[in-house]
Amino acid sequence: MGDFNQVMKASDKASEACSNLLGAEALQDCINQCALTEIRAQGAHYTWFNNREPGRRTWERLDRTFATPAWLRRFEEAIVTNLPV
């Protein structure tokens, strides 16, 4: 597991102020080069909120869990549960 603090695609970010996705392509390239697959997730889609005033709020899905194909074969029923922000 890792903590990348990076959205991967536009649907991972809802913002009243900024829709910038800098770094998303680099993260996807890293995941691809490492041959990782995302573990299925349930629960809250957005896992981070900036807690700012109206008009400057942002919600993002930053928390994801990845594994190798071998790990997924061994733990094929694994599911990540995202708790509310």
Protein backbone atom coordinates (compact mmCIF):
# COMPACT_ATOMS: atom_id res chain seq x y z
CA MET A 1 0.00 0.00 0.00
CA GLY A 2 1.06 3.57 -0.55
CA ASP A 3 -0.14 7.04 0.12
CA PHE A 4 0.18 8.91 -3.16
CA ASN A 5 -2.02 11.95 -2.37
CA GLN A 6 -2.89 12.15 -6.06
CA VAL A 7 -6.13 11.78 -7.97
CA MET A 8 -5.97 9.45 -10.96
CA LYS A 9 -8.80 10.80 -13.11
CA ALA A 10 -11.30 13.66 -13.37
CA SER A 11 -14.08 11.68 -11.65
CA ASP A 12 -11.86 11.49 -8.54
CA LYS A 13 -12.13 15.23 -7.92
CA ALA A 14 -15.05 17.57 -7.26
CA SER A 15 -14.00 21.15 -6.73
CA GLU A 16 -15.76 24.49 -6.53
CA ALA A 17 -12.49 26.30 -7.22
CA CYS A 18 -9.99 24.15 -9.15
CA SER A 19 -10.16 21.11 -11.39
CA ASN A 20 -6.40 20.75 -11.85
CA LEU A 21 -5.20 17.14 -12.17
CA LEU A 22 -1.43 17.69 -12.29
CA GLY A 23 0.38 14.43 -11.61
CA ALA A 24 -2.47 12.08 -12.53
CA GLU A 25 -0.75 10.84 -15.68
CA ALA A 26 2.53 10.25 -13.82
CA LEU A 27 0.74 8.21 -11.15
CA GLN A 28 -1.04 6.12 -13.78
CA ASP A 29 2.30 5.52 -15.54
CA CYS A 30 3.85 4.37 -12.25
CA ILE A 31 0.96 1.99 -11.52
CA ASN A 32 1.25 0.57 -15.05
CA GLN A 33 5.04 0.17 -14.89
CA CYS A 34 4.77 -1.66 -11.57
CA ALA A 35 2.02 -3.90 -13.04
CA LEU A 36 -0.33 -3.14 -10.16
CA THR A 37 -4.09 -3.53 -10.05
CA GLU A 38 -6.42 -1.57 -7.81
CA ILE A 39 -8.18 -3.55 -5.10
CA ARG A 40 -11.95 -3.15 -5.20
CA ALA A 41 -13.29 -0.47 -2.88
CA GLN A 42 -16.63 0.12 -1.22
CA GLY A 43 -17.97 2.99 0.83
CA ALA A 44 -17.22 6.67 0.36
CA HIS A 45 -15.99 7.65 -3.10
CA TYR A 46 -14.22 10.82 -1.93
CA THR A 47 -11.70 10.16 0.83
CA TRP A 48 -10.42 13.71 1.42
CA PHE A 49 -12.08 17.13 1.87
CA ASN A 50 -10.26 20.45 2.25
CA ASN A 51 -12.85 21.81 4.74
CA ARG A 52 -12.82 25.33 3.28
CA GLU A 53 -15.59 27.88 2.99
CA PRO A 54 -18.28 27.60 0.29
CA GLY A 55 -16.90 28.37 -3.14
CA ARG A 56 -13.44 26.99 -2.29
CA ARG A 57 -14.30 23.42 -1.28
CA THR A 58 -12.69 20.37 -2.86
CA TRP A 59 -13.37 16.67 -2.46
CA GLU A 60 -10.91 14.10 -3.81
CA ARG A 61 -10.45 10.35 -3.93
CA LEU A 62 -6.85 10.08 -2.76
CA ASP A 63 -6.87 6.78 -0.92
CA ARG A 64 -6.52 3.72 -3.11
CA THR A 65 -4.99 0.32 -2.57
CA PHE A 66 -3.03 -1.55 -5.22
CA ALA A 67 -1.63 -5.05 -5.38
CA THR A 68 0.26 -7.33 -7.70
CA PRO A 69 -1.64 -9.93 -9.74
CA ALA A 70 -0.12 -12.69 -7.55
CA TRP A 71 -1.41 -11.04 -4.38
CA LEU A 72 -4.87 -10.59 -5.90
CA ARG A 73 -4.99 -14.28 -6.88
CA ARG A 74 -4.13 -15.24 -3.30
CA PHE A 75 -6.61 -12.81 -1.73
CA GLU A 76 -9.23 -12.61 -4.46
CA GLU A 77 -12.00 -11.65 -2.03
CA ALA A 78 -10.11 -8.61 -0.68
CA ILE A 79 -12.11 -5.39 -0.52
CA VAL A 80 -11.08 -1.98 0.78
CA THR A 81 -13.68 -0.07 2.79
CA ASN A 82 -13.47 3.72 2.53
CA LEU A 83 -14.90 5.30 5.65
CA PRO A 84 -16.66 8.69 5.51
CA VAL A 85 -14.39 11.75 5.51
